[in-house]
C-alpha atoms as a PDB file:
ATOM      1  CA  MET A   1     -17.394 -56.838  63.528  1.00  0.00           C
ATOM      2  CA  LYS A   2     -19.805 -58.384  60.975  1.00  0.00           C
ATOM      3  CA  LYS A   3     -20.987 -54.898  59.984  1.00  0.00           C
ATOM      4  CA  SER A   4     -17.382 -53.781  59.397  1.00  0.00           C
ATOM      5  CA  ILE A   5     -16.630 -56.771  57.150  1.00  0.00           C
ATOM      6  CA  ALA A   6     -19.855 -56.259  55.233  1.00  0.00           C
ATOM      7  CA  LEU A   7     -19.118 -52.528  54.800  1.00  0.00           C
ATOM      8  CA  ILE A   8     -15.562 -53.233  53.625  1.00  0.00           C
ATOM      9  CA  SER A   9     -16.883 -55.834  51.168  1.00  0.00           C
ATOM     10  CA  VAL A  10     -19.386 -53.331  49.729  1.00  0.00           C
ATOM     11  CA  PHE A  11     -16.657 -50.693  49.318  1.00  0.00           C
ATOM     12  CA  ALA A  12     -14.334 -53.218  47.646  1.00  0.00           C
ATOM     13  CA  VAL A  13     -17.036 -54.237  45.147  1.00  0.00           C
ATOM     14  CA  LEU A  14     -17.831 -50.592  44.388  1.00  0.00           C
ATOM     15  CA  MET A  15     -14.161 -49.710  43.904  1.00  0.00           C
ATOM     16  CA  ILE A  16     -13.688 -52.607  41.493  1.00  0.00           C
ATOM     17  CA  ALA A  17     -16.850 -51.715  39.583  1.00  0.00           C
ATOM     18  CA  PHE A  18     -15.924 -48.036  39.236  1.00  0.00           C
ATOM     19  CA  SER A  19     -12.281 -48.698  38.365  1.00  0.00           C
ATOM     20  CA  GLY A  20     -13.179 -50.924  35.425  1.00  0.00           C
ATOM     21  CA  CYS A  21     -11.049 -53.774  36.745  1.00  0.00           C
ATOM     22  CA  VAL A  22     -13.824 -56.281  36.126  1.00  0.00           C
ATOM     23  CA  ASP A  23     -13.346 -56.164  32.335  1.00  0.00           C
ATOM     24  CA  ASN A  24     -10.376 -58.107  30.944  1.00  0.00           C
ATOM     25  CA  ASN A  25      -9.931 -55.797  27.933  1.00  0.00           C
ATOM     26  CA  THR A  26      -6.862 -53.601  27.894  1.00  0.00           C
ATOM     27  CA  PRO A  27      -7.624 -49.886  27.723  1.00  0.00           C
ATOM     28  CA  ALA A  28      -7.524 -48.232  24.345  1.00  0.00           C
ATOM     29  CA  VAL A  29      -4.915 -45.649  23.473  1.00  0.00           C
ATOM     30  CA  ASN A  30      -6.256 -42.366  22.036  1.00  0.00           C
ATOM     31  CA  GLY A  31      -9.760 -43.809  21.951  1.00  0.00           C
ATOM     32  CA  THR A  32      -8.895 -46.628  19.585  1.00  0.00           C
ATOM     33  CA  ASP A  33      -8.210 -50.307  19.940  1.00  0.00           C
ATOM     34  CA  SER A  34      -6.964 -51.815  16.715  1.00  0.00           C
ATOM     35  CA  GLY A  35      -7.907 -55.301  17.856  1.00  0.00           C
ATOM     36  CA  ASN A  36     -11.605 -54.550  18.164  1.00  0.00           C
ATOM     37  CA  PRO A  37     -13.332 -52.636  15.330  1.00  0.00           C
ATOM     38  CA  GLU A  38     -16.286 -51.759  17.548  1.00  0.00           C
ATOM     39  CA  THR A  39     -14.045 -49.597  19.754  1.00  0.00           C
ATOM     40  CA  ASN A  40     -12.560 -47.658  16.811  1.00  0.00           C
ATOM     41  CA  ALA A  41     -15.586 -45.358  16.779  1.00  0.00           C
ATOM     42  CA  ILE A  42     -14.976 -41.765  17.763  1.00  0.00           C
ATOM     43  CA  SER A  43     -17.410 -40.391  20.285  1.00  0.00           C
ATOM     44  CA  ASP A  44     -19.200 -37.048  20.162  1.00  0.00           C
ATOM     45  CA  GLU A  45     -17.159 -36.015  23.195  1.00  0.00           C
ATOM     46  CA  ASP A  46     -13.876 -36.532  21.281  1.00  0.00           C
ATOM     47  CA  VAL A  47     -14.665 -34.256  18.330  1.00  0.00           C
ATOM     48  CA  ALA A  48     -16.613 -31.775  20.474  1.00  0.00           C
ATOM     49  CA  GLY A  49     -13.772 -31.664  22.975  1.00  0.00           C
ATOM     50  CA  ILE A  50     -11.284 -30.724  20.261  1.00  0.00           C
ATOM     51  CA  SER A  51     -13.553 -28.082  18.676  1.00  0.00           C
ATOM     52  CA  THR A  52     -14.350 -26.499  22.067  1.00  0.00           C
ATOM     53  CA  LEU A  53     -11.275 -24.607  23.219  1.00  0.00           C
ATOM     54  CA  GLU A  54     -10.639 -24.366  26.951  1.00  0.00           C
ATOM     55  CA  THR A  55      -8.154 -21.496  26.609  1.00  0.00           C
ATOM     56  CA  LEU A  56      -9.020 -18.839  24.053  1.00  0.00           C
ATOM     57  CA  PRO A  57      -6.671 -16.280  22.521  1.00  0.00           C
ATOM     58  CA  ALA A  58      -7.240 -12.735  23.791  1.00  0.00           C
ATOM     59  CA  GLY A  59     -10.275 -11.068  22.239  1.00  0.00           C
ATOM     60  CA  PHE A  60     -12.133 -14.291  21.378  1.00  0.00           C
ATOM     61  CA  GLU A  61     -15.382 -15.498  22.898  1.00  0.00           C
ATOM     62  CA  TYR A  62     -16.828 -19.026  22.785  1.00  0.00           C
ATOM     63  CA  ILE A  63     -20.388 -19.133  21.387  1.00  0.00           C
ATOM     64  CA  ASP A  64     -21.421 -22.773  20.947  1.00  0.00           C
ATOM     65  CA  THR A  65     -20.467 -26.258  19.792  1.00  0.00           C
ATOM     66  CA  ILE A  66     -22.763 -28.094  17.401  1.00  0.00           C
ATOM     67  CA  PRO A  67     -22.581 -31.623  15.979  1.00  0.00           C
ATOM     68  CA  LEU A  68     -22.018 -32.120  12.255  1.00  0.00           C
ATOM     69  CA  SER A  69     -23.669 -35.068  10.552  1.00  0.00           C
ATOM     70  CA  THR A  70     -21.750 -37.128   8.019  1.00  0.00           C
ATOM     71  CA  ASP A  71     -24.082 -35.781   5.295  1.00  0.00           C
ATOM     72  CA  GLU A  72     -23.270 -32.179   6.291  1.00  0.00           C
ATOM     73  CA  ILE A  73     -19.559 -32.963   6.292  1.00  0.00           C
ATOM     74  CA  LYS A  74     -19.644 -34.705   2.904  1.00  0.00           C
ATOM     75  CA  SER A  75     -21.640 -31.863   1.355  1.00  0.00           C
ATOM     76  CA  GLY A  76     -19.779 -28.963   2.969  1.00  0.00           C
ATOM     77  CA  TYR A  77     -16.329 -30.342   2.241  1.00  0.00           C
ATOM     78  CA  LYS A  78     -17.071 -31.832  -1.190  1.00  0.00           C
ATOM     79  CA  ALA A  79     -16.187 -35.242   0.223  1.00  0.00           C
ATOM     80  CA  GLU A  80     -19.068 -37.310  -1.145  1.00  0.00           C
ATOM     81  CA  ASN A  81     -16.644 -40.003  -2.342  1.00  0.00           C
ATOM     82  CA  VAL A  82     -14.550 -40.152   0.834  1.00  0.00           C
ATOM     83  CA  SER A  83     -15.158 -43.203   2.995  1.00  0.00           C
ATOM     84  CA  GLY A  84     -14.514 -43.532   6.689  1.00  0.00           C
ATOM     85  CA  ILE A  85     -16.173 -40.331   7.955  1.00  0.00           C
ATOM     86  CA  LEU A  86     -17.518 -41.112  11.418  1.00  0.00           C
ATOM     87  CA  GLU A  87     -18.435 -37.932  13.264  1.00  0.00           C
ATOM     88  CA  GLY A  88     -18.021 -34.172  13.272  1.00  0.00           C
ATOM     89  CA  SER A  89     -18.297 -31.136  15.495  1.00  0.00           C
ATOM     90  CA  GLU A  90     -18.116 -27.380  14.974  1.00  0.00           C
ATOM     91  CA  GLY A  91     -16.975 -24.901  17.592  1.00  0.00           C
ATOM     92  CA  ILE A  92     -18.252 -21.362  17.002  1.00  0.00           C
ATOM     93  CA  TYR A  93     -16.408 -18.280  18.248  1.00  0.00           C
ATOM     94  CA  LYS A  94     -16.578 -14.486  17.889  1.00  0.00           C
ATOM     95  CA  ASP A  95     -13.990 -11.793  18.332  1.00  0.00           C
ATOM     96  CA  SER A  96     -14.461  -8.315  19.799  1.00  0.00           C
ATOM     97  CA  ASN A  97     -15.588  -7.065  16.346  1.00  0.00           C
ATOM     98  CA  LYS A  98     -18.334  -9.741  16.301  1.00  0.00           C
ATOM     99  CA  THR A  99     -16.581 -11.549  13.445  1.00  0.00           C
ATOM    100  CA  GLU A 100     -17.504 -15.231  13.470  1.00  0.00           C
ATOM    101  CA  TYR A 101     -14.949 -18.054  13.422  1.00  0.00           C
ATOM    102  CA  HIS A 102     -15.336 -21.839  13.260  1.00  0.00           C
ATOM    103  CA  ILE A 103     -13.302 -24.865  14.277  1.00  0.00           C
ATOM    104  CA  ASP A 104     -14.550 -28.001  12.537  1.00  0.00           C
ATOM    105  CA  VAL A 105     -13.283 -31.367  13.727  1.00  0.00           C
ATOM    106  CA  ILE A 106     -14.007 -34.436  11.625  1.00  0.00           C
ATOM    107  CA  GLY A 107     -13.362 -37.893  13.038  1.00  0.00           C
ATOM    108  CA  LEU A 108     -12.437 -40.566  10.524  1.00  0.00           C
ATOM    109  CA  GLU A 109     -11.726 -44.291  10.734  1.00  0.00           C
ATOM    110  CA  ASP A 110      -7.944 -43.957  10.432  1.00  0.00           C
ATOM    111  CA  LYS A 111      -5.033 -41.778   9.281  1.00  0.00           C
ATOM    112  CA  GLU A 112      -5.423 -42.848   5.667  1.00  0.00           C
ATOM    113  CA  ALA A 113      -9.085 -41.768   5.618  1.00  0.00           C
ATOM    114  CA  ALA A 114      -8.062 -38.419   7.162  1.00  0.00           C
ATOM    115  CA  ASN A 115      -5.439 -37.865   4.461  1.00  0.00           C
ATOM    116  CA  ASN A 116      -7.918 -38.868   1.735  1.00  0.00           C
ATOM    117  CA  PHE A 117     -10.429 -36.373   3.154  1.00  0.00           C
ATOM    118  CA  ILE A 118      -7.905 -33.510   2.936  1.00  0.00           C
ATOM    119  CA  THR A 119      -6.875 -34.502  -0.596  1.00  0.00           C
ATOM    120  CA  ALA A 120     -10.519 -34.592  -1.750  1.00  0.00           C
ATOM    121  CA  TYR A 121     -11.261 -31.221  -0.162  1.00  0.00           C
ATOM    122  CA  LYS A 122      -8.213 -29.552  -1.713  1.00  0.00           C
ATOM    123  CA  SER A 123      -9.063 -30.984  -5.146  1.00  0.00           C
ATOM    124  CA  SER A 124     -12.517 -29.325  -4.980  1.00  0.00           C
ATOM    125  CA  PHE A 125     -10.916 -25.871  -5.414  1.00  0.00           C
ATOM    126  CA  PRO A 126     -10.193 -24.507  -8.879  1.00  0.00           C
ATOM    127  CA  PRO A 127      -6.683 -23.144  -9.435  1.00  0.00           C
ATOM    128  CA  LEU A 128      -6.157 -19.406  -8.871  1.00  0.00           C
ATOM    129  CA  ASN A 129      -5.422 -17.162 -11.856  1.00  0.00           C
ATOM    130  CA  SER A 130      -2.232 -16.084 -10.125  1.00  0.00           C
ATOM    131  CA  GLY A 131      -0.434 -17.169  -7.003  1.00  0.00           C
ATOM    132  CA  SER A 132      -0.942 -20.289  -4.973  1.00  0.00           C
ATOM    133  CA  ARG A 133      -4.187 -21.253  -3.282  1.00  0.00           C
ATOM    134  CA  PHE A 134      -2.436 -23.681  -0.916  1.00  0.00           C
ATOM    135  CA  THR A 135       0.451 -22.730   1.351  1.00  0.00           C
ATOM    136  CA  ASP A 136       2.185 -25.201   3.649  1.00  0.00           C
ATOM    137  CA  GLU A 137       2.673 -23.779   7.135  1.00  0.00           C
ATOM    138  CA  SER A 138       3.658 -25.234  10.463  1.00  0.00           C
ATOM    139  CA  PHE A 139       2.554 -24.775  14.082  1.00  0.00           C
ATOM    140  CA  ASN A 140       2.076 -26.952  17.189  1.00  0.00           C
ATOM    141  CA  GLY A 141       4.745 -29.319  15.864  1.00  0.00           C
ATOM    142  CA  HIS A 142       2.929 -30.287  12.650  1.00  0.00           C
ATOM    143  CA  SER A 143       2.307 -29.003   9.157  1.00  0.00           C
ATOM    144  CA  ALA A 144      -0.972 -27.531   7.994  1.00  0.00           C
ATOM    145  CA  VAL A 145      -2.264 -26.119   4.739  1.00  0.00           C
ATOM    146  CA  LYS A 146      -3.475 -22.541   4.549  1.00  0.00           C
ATOM    147  CA  ILE A 147      -6.165 -22.239   1.869  1.00  0.00           C
ATOM    148  CA  THR A 148      -6.817 -18.870   0.217  1.00  0.00           C
ATOM    149  CA  GLU A 149     -10.209 -18.180  -1.332  1.00  0.00           C
ATOM    150  CA  TYR A 150     -11.707 -15.038  -2.817  1.00  0.00           C
ATOM    151  CA  ILE A 151     -15.322 -13.963  -2.468  1.00  0.00           C
ATOM    152  CA  THR A 152     -17.299 -10.886  -3.406  1.00  0.00           C
ATOM    153  CA  ALA A 153     -18.512  -8.851  -0.449  1.00  0.00           C
ATOM    154  CA  GLY A 154     -19.971  -5.368  -0.764  1.00  0.00           C
ATOM    155  CA  GLY A 155     -19.075  -5.290  -4.456  1.00  0.00           C
ATOM    156  CA  LYS A 156     -15.383  -5.945  -3.749  1.00  0.00           C
ATOM    157  CA  THR A 157     -13.267  -9.052  -4.063  1.00  0.00           C
ATOM    158  CA  VAL A 158     -11.947 -10.001  -0.638  1.00  0.00           C
ATOM    159  CA  SER A 159      -9.818 -12.870   0.599  1.00  0.00           C
ATOM    160  CA  ARG A 160     -10.833 -15.585   3.038  1.00  0.00           C
ATOM    161  CA  TYR A 161      -8.452 -18.000   4.705  1.00  0.00           C
ATOM    162  CA  SER A 162      -8.738 -21.384   6.321  1.00  0.00           C
ATOM    163  CA  TYR A 163      -6.315 -23.883   7.802  1.00  0.00           C
ATOM    164  CA  ILE A 164      -6.696 -27.639   7.413  1.00  0.00           C
ATOM    165  CA  TRP A 165      -4.580 -30.460   8.819  1.00  0.00           C
ATOM    166  CA  SER A 166      -4.838 -33.963  10.191  1.00  0.00           C
ATOM    167  CA  ASN A 167      -3.847 -35.301  13.574  1.00  0.00           C
ATOM    168  CA  GLU A 168      -4.041 -39.096  13.668  1.00  0.00           C
ATOM    169  CA  ASN A 169      -7.600 -39.894  12.489  1.00  0.00           C
ATOM    170  CA  TYR A 170      -8.936 -36.348  12.945  1.00  0.00           C
ATOM    171  CA  VAL A 171      -9.125 -33.562  10.383  1.00  0.00           C
ATOM    172  CA  ILE A 172      -9.247 -30.056  11.821  1.00  0.00           C
ATOM    173  CA  VAL A 173     -10.379 -27.023   9.826  1.00  0.00           C
ATOM    174  CA  VAL A 174     -10.297 -23.457  11.153  1.00  0.00           C
ATOM    175  CA  PHE A 175     -11.907 -20.612   9.205  1.00  0.00           C
ATOM    176  CA  GLY A 176     -13.603 -17.281   9.710  1.00  0.00           C
ATOM    177  CA  ASN A 177     -15.575 -14.523   8.075  1.00  0.00           C
ATOM    178  CA  THR A 178     -12.635 -12.133   7.786  1.00  0.00           C
ATOM    179  CA  ALA A 179     -10.004 -11.039   5.286  1.00  0.00           C
ATOM    180  CA  GLU A 180      -7.397 -11.182   8.058  1.00  0.00           C
ATOM    181  CA  GLU A 181      -5.486 -14.421   8.351  1.00  0.00           C
ATOM    182  CA  ALA A 182      -3.801 -13.708  11.725  1.00  0.00           C
ATOM    183  CA  PRO A 183      -6.858 -14.382  13.955  1.00  0.00           C
ATOM    184  CA  ILE A 184      -7.616 -17.608  12.076  1.00  0.00           C
ATOM    185  CA  ARG A 185      -4.074 -18.801  12.652  1.00  0.00           C
ATOM    186  CA  GLN A 186      -4.353 -17.808  16.343  1.00  0.00           C
ATOM    187  CA  LEU A 187      -7.395 -20.069  16.720  1.00  0.00           C
ATOM    188  CA  ALA A 188      -5.684 -22.866  14.780  1.00  0.00           C
ATOM    189  CA  GLU A 189      -2.706 -22.684  17.137  1.00  0.00           C
ATOM    190  CA  ALA A 190      -5.011 -22.511  20.179  1.00  0.00           C
ATOM    191  CA  THR A 191      -6.401 -25.977  19.379  1.00  0.00           C
ATOM    192  CA  GLY A 192      -3.083 -27.454  20.505  1.00  0.00           C
ATOM    193  CA  TYR A 193      -3.437 -30.081  17.771  1.00  0.00           C
END
């Protein structure tokens, strides 16, 4: 009888410890708790989880997920003057033609910082001689901006596309090394964000 009570007591303590019931803090929603600034930090798992797709569109293959430092993010996105950048991650994918695609996820302090990040990035592009560089589009229940760039490859001017949008305090950017915009949009939609 004493062994049974002792065993039940051990199980009860373990259940309480593993359930988190010992702490009096209320759980955070979406990884944030506005009452405690220390819990507003975004973890590597959050940004990496968003940039690593569980379900890929047909023809795509997952290659790797790498962390992005705040210095890399500020430099790569011309966001040196943007505050509130916390963490970043880049998911790398290839299609059947071995074309490389990327999903960058940048975690920021709040929605305002995310919007400021997008504004700063868009302002880093010069205007096009004709047409619009930025096109508002919508998928997954939100709006996104398709950005058109032109580069020289093999002596020819070719287009490159990317999609950028925010979801709460995250900024998501999808781009690839292709002149076709359809596969980039497919990956953007596959994020579910």
